[in-house]
Each structure stands twice: as C-alpha cells, then as structure tokens.
Amino acid sequence: MEFDRKPRMAASTRGAHAALMTLRIHAIPESFAEHVRHFRRDGHGNVDLTPQVVTEAHSAPCRVCLEDARVGEAVLLCTYSPFERPGPYATIGPIFVHAHRCTPFAPGAPMTDAIARRLLSLRAYDRGGRMVAADVIEGRELESLAQRLFEDPAASLLHVHHARAGCFACRIERGE
C-alpha cells in the first residue's frame, strides 16, 4: 500500500523537516493461503482445518485480501509466522484466511477499513531480525507511526499485529 504518492513535509523528531517516504503494505503470500485451503494444514502442526462460517461482522479479518470476511462467508483459522528464519523474536500466531480464493491485497492499494478500524501494534525490525522499536496505536494512525518508526535507519521492516488478539495483520516496507 502506498500511503503517499507525493512527497510531503513533516516535522522530524530531530527538529528539522524531512519528506515523508512512501510506505508499502504487504498481505501474507497468497501461496500460503492456497496451501492451507488445498491441504487443510498450515505447516505448524495444525491439520484437518475445517472452514468456519462467520456469524459476527468484523470478527474474521482475512490476511490475504486484508478485508473482514462478511457474515455467512467461510474462513479457515490457521497458524502463520511472518518470519522467514528462526530468531528470538520469531513468532507464530493465529490468522484467518477466506476458505475460498479471494482477491489478494495489492501493494499500492488504499489501506482497508479492516486495518483502520482496529487497535494495532507495530513492531520495527532490523535486517538481522532484531526488534528495534514497537508501539500501539489506533489503525487510522498507522501511517504516522510507520513514518516515525522508519525515521530510525536501523528499521528495515514493520510487522503490524492486531493489538487485542495479538495476531499478525500485515508487513510494511519502505517504498521505492
């Protein structure tokens, strides 16, 4: 997701002014969801995953399309890790994916309401996978916190989690 298509000026924590960078949000890989849908397992020991029908609005945010599943839609609850290698901060946690193929979130698309309406935890990691900063905010403030965390040159990527449930939501990187 590109939050800014045009450079803007913002007050830096260092007292000078700096142009805001373009941020790109990334959903989980569609290939992970396809594997879960086809084999009904997630690679973290959960097998025979069974679709669940959503009965309450805004209760099952899909990590592929980054939209809330609608009441009556089927989802799969599985375990996911956004980390590519082991490390002290590498975590796994619960996520929902639509039980049937959905339209994947496209980097550069506008932030979804499913992200904006939730309390979020952002965690900044360096290239070695060490956490360098973290904070909790309302989803509508995602852009400003991401910009602030990326002011630290050591921060190479951000993981966004739903703060109340603790589950992974998406990844944010600096845009090109």
C-alpha atoms as a PDB file:
ATOM      1  CA  MET A   1       0.000   0.000   0.000  1.00  0.00           C
ATOM      2  CA  GLU A   2       1.362   3.378  -0.850  1.00  0.00           C
ATOM      3  CA  PHE A   3       0.325   5.866   1.765  1.00  0.00           C
ATOM      4  CA  ASP A   4       1.925   8.826  -0.015  1.00  0.00           C
ATOM      5  CA  ARG A   5       2.123   9.201  -3.746  1.00  0.00           C
ATOM      6  CA  LYS A   6       3.525  12.748  -3.497  1.00  0.00           C
ATOM      7  CA  PRO A   7       6.310  13.903  -1.151  1.00  0.00           C
ATOM      8  CA  ARG A   8       5.115  15.963   1.797  1.00  0.00           C
ATOM      9  CA  MET A   9       6.955  17.770   4.547  1.00  0.00           C
ATOM     10  CA  ALA A  10       6.659  16.706   8.150  1.00  0.00           C
ATOM     11  CA  ALA A  11       8.359  17.667  11.368  1.00  0.00           C
ATOM     12  CA  SER A  12      11.153  15.231  12.165  1.00  0.00           C
ATOM     13  CA  THR A  13      11.918  14.131  15.694  1.00  0.00           C
ATOM     14  CA  ARG A  14      15.344  15.680  15.118  1.00  0.00           C
ATOM     15  CA  GLY A  15      13.842  19.164  14.788  1.00  0.00           C
ATOM     16  CA  ALA A  16      14.439  19.511  11.023  1.00  0.00           C
ATOM     17  CA  HIS A  17      11.950  18.884   8.234  1.00  0.00           C
ATOM     18  CA  ALA A  18      12.054  15.738   6.145  1.00  0.00           C
ATOM     19  CA  ALA A  19       9.962  14.455   3.248  1.00  0.00           C
ATOM     20  CA  LEU A  20       7.636  11.605   4.169  1.00  0.00           C
ATOM     21  CA  MET A  21       8.580   8.375   2.498  1.00  0.00           C
ATOM     22  CA  THR A  22       6.296   6.115   0.528  1.00  0.00           C
ATOM     23  CA  LEU A  23       5.192   3.091   2.546  1.00  0.00           C
ATOM     24  CA  ARG A  24       4.088  -0.230   1.070  1.00  0.00           C
ATOM     25  CA  ILE A  25       1.857  -2.645   2.921  1.00  0.00           C
ATOM     26  CA  HIS A  26       2.015  -6.366   2.114  1.00  0.00           C
ATOM     27  CA  ALA A  27      -0.528  -9.042   2.963  1.00  0.00           C
ATOM     28  CA  ILE A  28       0.573 -12.625   3.602  1.00  0.00           C
ATOM     29  CA  PRO A  29       1.607 -14.541   0.476  1.00  0.00           C
ATOM     30  CA  GLU A  30      -1.361 -15.930  -1.415  1.00  0.00           C
ATOM     31  CA  SER A  31       0.642 -19.153  -1.823  1.00  0.00           C
ATOM     32  CA  PHE A  32       0.409 -19.750   1.954  1.00  0.00           C
ATOM     33  CA  ALA A  33      -3.387 -19.429   1.883  1.00  0.00           C
ATOM     34  CA  GLU A  34      -3.647 -21.660  -1.201  1.00  0.00           C
ATOM     35  CA  HIS A  35      -1.627 -24.343   0.592  1.00  0.00           C
ATOM     36  CA  VAL A  36      -3.885 -24.122   3.655  1.00  0.00           C
ATOM     37  CA  ARG A  37      -7.024 -24.232   1.504  1.00  0.00           C
ATOM     38  CA  HIS A  38      -5.841 -27.223  -0.518  1.00  0.00           C
ATOM     39  CA  PHE A  39      -4.180 -29.373   2.151  1.00  0.00           C
ATOM     40  CA  ARG A  40      -6.168 -28.151   5.198  1.00  0.00           C
ATOM     41  CA  ARG A  41      -2.956 -27.825   7.216  1.00  0.00           C
ATOM     42  CA  ASP A  42      -0.718 -24.887   7.992  1.00  0.00           C
ATOM     43  CA  GLY A  43       2.800 -26.278   8.480  1.00  0.00           C
ATOM     44  CA  HIS A  44       2.755 -25.540  12.218  1.00  0.00           C
ATOM     45  CA  GLY A  45       1.159 -28.801  13.321  1.00  0.00           C
ATOM     46  CA  ASN A  46      -2.473 -27.903  12.667  1.00  0.00           C
ATOM     47  CA  VAL A  47      -4.136 -30.469  10.406  1.00  0.00           C
ATOM     48  CA  ASP A  48      -7.703 -31.125   9.290  1.00  0.00           C
ATOM     49  CA  LEU A  49      -8.511 -27.415   9.326  1.00  0.00           C
ATOM     50  CA  THR A  50     -12.251 -27.010   8.912  1.00  0.00           C
ATOM     51  CA  PRO A  51     -13.958 -23.964   7.394  1.00  0.00           C
ATOM     52  CA  GLN A  52     -15.915 -21.861   9.871  1.00  0.00           C
ATOM     53  CA  VAL A  53     -18.860 -19.698   8.860  1.00  0.00           C
ATOM     54  CA  VAL A  54     -18.576 -16.105  10.049  1.00  0.00           C
ATOM     55  CA  THR A  55     -21.516 -15.185  12.294  1.00  0.00           C
ATOM     56  CA  GLU A  56     -20.424 -11.741  13.510  1.00  0.00           C
ATOM     57  CA  ALA A  57     -19.363  -8.723  11.463  1.00  0.00           C
ATOM     58  CA  HIS A  58     -15.716  -7.635  11.738  1.00  0.00           C
ATOM     59  CA  SER A  59     -14.718 -10.827  13.545  1.00  0.00           C
ATOM     60  CA  ALA A  60     -12.566 -12.586  10.915  1.00  0.00           C
ATOM     61  CA  PRO A  61     -10.099 -10.369   9.018  1.00  0.00           C
ATOM     62  CA  CYS A  62      -8.574 -12.253   6.071  1.00  0.00           C
ATOM     63  CA  ARG A  63      -4.804 -11.770   5.819  1.00  0.00           C
ATOM     64  CA  VAL A  64      -4.782 -12.262   2.033  1.00  0.00           C
ATOM     65  CA  CYS A  65      -7.239  -9.534   0.959  1.00  0.00           C
ATOM     66  CA  LEU A  66      -6.934  -7.570   4.235  1.00  0.00           C
ATOM     67  CA  GLU A  67     -10.728  -7.286   4.400  1.00  0.00           C
ATOM     68  CA  ASP A  68     -13.101  -8.584   7.052  1.00  0.00           C
ATOM     69  CA  ALA A  69     -14.944 -11.713   5.956  1.00  0.00           C
ATOM     70  CA  ARG A  70     -18.651 -10.989   5.708  1.00  0.00           C
ATOM     71  CA  VAL A  71     -21.290 -12.750   7.799  1.00  0.00           C
ATOM     72  CA  GLY A  72     -22.056 -16.053   6.053  1.00  0.00           C
ATOM     73  CA  GLU A  73     -18.623 -16.386   4.406  1.00  0.00           C
ATOM     74  CA  ALA A  74     -16.379 -19.317   5.280  1.00  0.00           C
ATOM     75  CA  VAL A  75     -12.905 -18.803   6.710  1.00  0.00           C
ATOM     76  CA  LEU A  76     -10.074 -21.015   7.864  1.00  0.00           C
ATOM     77  CA  LEU A  77      -8.352 -20.327  11.170  1.00  0.00           C
ATOM     78  CA  CYS A  78      -4.707 -21.350  10.940  1.00  0.00           C
ATOM     79  CA  THR A  79      -1.280 -20.518  12.307  1.00  0.00           C
ATOM     80  CA  TYR A  80       1.184 -18.256  10.492  1.00  0.00           C
ATOM     81  CA  SER A  81       4.653 -16.842  11.041  1.00  0.00           C
ATOM     82  CA  PRO A  82       5.753 -13.718   9.178  1.00  0.00           C
ATOM     83  CA  PHE A  83       9.392 -14.602   9.815  1.00  0.00           C
ATOM     84  CA  GLU A  84      11.495 -16.302   7.161  1.00  0.00           C
ATOM     85  CA  ARG A  85      14.125 -17.654   9.555  1.00  0.00           C
ATOM     86  CA  PRO A  86      14.365 -18.625  13.233  1.00  0.00           C
ATOM     87  CA  GLY A  87      15.263 -15.965  15.770  1.00  0.00           C
ATOM     88  CA  PRO A  88      14.427 -14.811  19.269  1.00  0.00           C
ATOM     89  CA  TYR A  89      11.606 -12.568  18.014  1.00  0.00           C
ATOM     90  CA  ALA A  90      10.190 -15.063  15.502  1.00  0.00           C
ATOM     91  CA  THR A  91       6.611 -15.774  16.486  1.00  0.00           C
ATOM     92  CA  ILE A  92       3.693 -17.763  15.170  1.00  0.00           C
ATOM     93  CA  GLY A  93       0.092 -16.917  15.761  1.00  0.00           C
ATOM     94  CA  PRO A  94      -3.496 -17.337  14.637  1.00  0.00           C
ATOM     95  CA  ILE A  95      -4.804 -15.762  11.428  1.00  0.00           C
ATOM     96  CA  PHE A  96      -7.911 -16.077   9.271  1.00  0.00           C
ATOM     97  CA  VAL A  97      -7.944 -16.611   5.519  1.00  0.00           C
ATOM     98  CA  HIS A  98     -11.023 -16.909   3.342  1.00  0.00           C
ATOM     99  CA  ALA A  99     -11.827 -20.607   2.801  1.00  0.00           C
ATOM    100  CA  HIS A 100     -12.199 -19.874  -0.908  1.00  0.00           C
ATOM    101  CA  ARG A 101      -9.935 -17.758  -3.070  1.00  0.00           C
ATOM    102  CA  CYS A 102     -10.295 -14.021  -2.571  1.00  0.00           C
ATOM    103  CA  THR A 103      -8.728 -11.116  -4.408  1.00  0.00           C
ATOM    104  CA  PRO A 104      -5.295 -10.584  -2.853  1.00  0.00           C
ATOM    105  CA  PHE A 105      -4.469  -7.150  -1.475  1.00  0.00           C
ATOM    106  CA  ALA A 106      -2.315  -5.323  -3.996  1.00  0.00           C
ATOM    107  CA  PRO A 107       0.666  -3.345  -2.739  1.00  0.00           C
ATOM    108  CA  GLY A 108      -0.140   0.270  -3.540  1.00  0.00           C
ATOM    109  CA  ALA A 109      -3.869  -0.124  -2.832  1.00  0.00           C
ATOM    110  CA  PRO A 110      -5.517   2.118  -0.224  1.00  0.00           C
ATOM    111  CA  MET A 111      -5.499   0.958   3.395  1.00  0.00           C
ATOM    112  CA  THR A 112      -8.542  -1.199   4.113  1.00  0.00           C
ATOM    113  CA  ASP A 113     -11.193  -0.434   6.727  1.00  0.00           C
ATOM    114  CA  ALA A 114     -10.362  -3.783   8.351  1.00  0.00           C
ATOM    115  CA  ILE A 115      -6.928  -2.367   9.251  1.00  0.00           C
ATOM    116  CA  ALA A 116      -8.042   1.200  10.013  1.00  0.00           C
ATOM    117  CA  ARG A 117     -10.784   0.181  12.475  1.00  0.00           C
ATOM    118  CA  ARG A 118      -8.558  -1.875  14.808  1.00  0.00           C
ATOM    119  CA  LEU A 119      -6.139  -1.173  17.615  1.00  0.00           C
ATOM    120  CA  LEU A 120      -2.741  -2.093  16.171  1.00  0.00           C
ATOM    121  CA  SER A 121       0.700  -2.990  17.437  1.00  0.00           C
ATOM    122  CA  LEU A 122       3.610  -2.078  15.163  1.00  0.00           C
ATOM    123  CA  ARG A 123       6.978  -3.753  15.618  1.00  0.00           C
ATOM    124  CA  ALA A 124      10.064  -2.498  13.791  1.00  0.00           C
ATOM    125  CA  TYR A 125      12.822  -5.000  12.940  1.00  0.00           C
ATOM    126  CA  ASP A 126      16.342  -4.527  11.638  1.00  0.00           C
ATOM    127  CA  ARG A 127      17.870  -6.598   8.813  1.00  0.00           C
ATOM    128  CA  GLY A 128      19.033  -9.205  11.323  1.00  0.00           C
ATOM    129  CA  GLY A 129      15.518  -9.757  12.670  1.00  0.00           C
ATOM    130  CA  ARG A 130      16.019  -7.911  15.961  1.00  0.00           C
ATOM    131  CA  MET A 131      13.214  -5.701  17.191  1.00  0.00           C
ATOM    132  CA  VAL A 132      14.356  -2.080  17.355  1.00  0.00           C
ATOM    133  CA  ALA A 133      11.067  -0.394  18.332  1.00  0.00           C
ATOM    134  CA  ALA A 134       7.388  -1.084  18.994  1.00  0.00           C
ATOM    135  CA  ASP A 135       4.242   0.888  19.751  1.00  0.00           C
ATOM    136  CA  VAL A 136       0.449   0.567  19.890  1.00  0.00           C
ATOM    137  CA  ILE A 137      -1.954   2.891  18.060  1.00  0.00           C
ATOM    138  CA  GLU A 138      -5.412   3.163  16.565  1.00  0.00           C
ATOM    139  CA  GLY A 139      -5.418   1.853  12.995  1.00  0.00           C
ATOM    140  CA  ARG A 140      -6.270   5.203  11.455  1.00  0.00           C
ATOM    141  CA  GLU A 141      -2.905   6.466  12.797  1.00  0.00           C
ATOM    142  CA  LEU A 142      -0.936   3.686  11.072  1.00  0.00           C
ATOM    143  CA  GLU A 143       0.769   5.943   8.527  1.00  0.00           C
ATOM    144  CA  SER A 144       2.106   8.445  11.073  1.00  0.00           C
ATOM    145  CA  LEU A 145       3.525   5.771  13.380  1.00  0.00           C
ATOM    146  CA  ALA A 146       5.069   3.853  10.474  1.00  0.00           C
ATOM    147  CA  GLN A 147       6.722   7.066   9.269  1.00  0.00           C
ATOM    148  CA  ARG A 148       8.084   7.727  12.764  1.00  0.00           C
ATOM    149  CA  LEU A 149       9.421   4.177  13.197  1.00  0.00           C
ATOM    150  CA  PHE A 150      11.137   4.337   9.813  1.00  0.00           C
ATOM    151  CA  GLU A 151      12.975   7.511  10.870  1.00  0.00           C
ATOM    152  CA  ASP A 152      15.358   5.061  12.550  1.00  0.00           C
ATOM    153  CA  PRO A 153      17.665   3.874   9.746  1.00  0.00           C
ATOM    154  CA  ALA A 154      18.058   0.534  11.530  1.00  0.00           C
ATOM    155  CA  ALA A 155      14.356  -0.243  10.991  1.00  0.00           C
ATOM    156  CA  SER A 156      14.131  -2.256   7.782  1.00  0.00           C
ATOM    157  CA  LEU A 157      10.526  -3.501   8.044  1.00  0.00           C
ATOM    158  CA  LEU A 158       7.465  -3.308  10.242  1.00  0.00           C
ATOM    159  CA  HIS A 159       5.104  -6.043  11.340  1.00  0.00           C
ATOM    160  CA  VAL A 160       1.557  -4.968  12.098  1.00  0.00           C
ATOM    161  CA  HIS A 161      -0.441  -7.018  14.610  1.00  0.00           C
ATOM    162  CA  HIS A 162      -3.972  -6.674  15.887  1.00  0.00           C
ATOM    163  CA  ALA A 163      -3.152  -5.467  19.389  1.00  0.00           C
ATOM    164  CA  ARG A 164      -6.083  -7.028  21.212  1.00  0.00           C
ATOM    165  CA  ALA A 165      -5.928 -10.531  19.698  1.00  0.00           C
ATOM    166  CA  GLY A 166      -2.177 -10.385  19.075  1.00  0.00           C
ATOM    167  CA  CYS A 167      -2.365 -11.898  15.597  1.00  0.00           C
ATOM    168  CA  PHE A 168      -0.276 -10.826  12.614  1.00  0.00           C
ATOM    169  CA  ALA A 169      -2.052  -8.489  10.194  1.00  0.00           C
ATOM    170  CA  CYS A 170       0.463  -7.379   7.540  1.00  0.00           C
ATOM    171  CA  ARG A 171       4.008  -6.197   6.818  1.00  0.00           C
ATOM    172  CA  ILE A 172       5.084  -2.656   5.905  1.00  0.00           C
ATOM    173  CA  GLU A 173       8.237  -1.779   3.977  1.00  0.00           C
ATOM    174  CA  ARG A 174       9.710   1.455   2.740  1.00  0.00           C
ATOM    175  CA  GLY A 175       8.507   2.199  -0.792  1.00  0.00           C
ATOM    176  CA  GLU A 176      10.798   2.716  -3.731  1.00  0.00           C
END
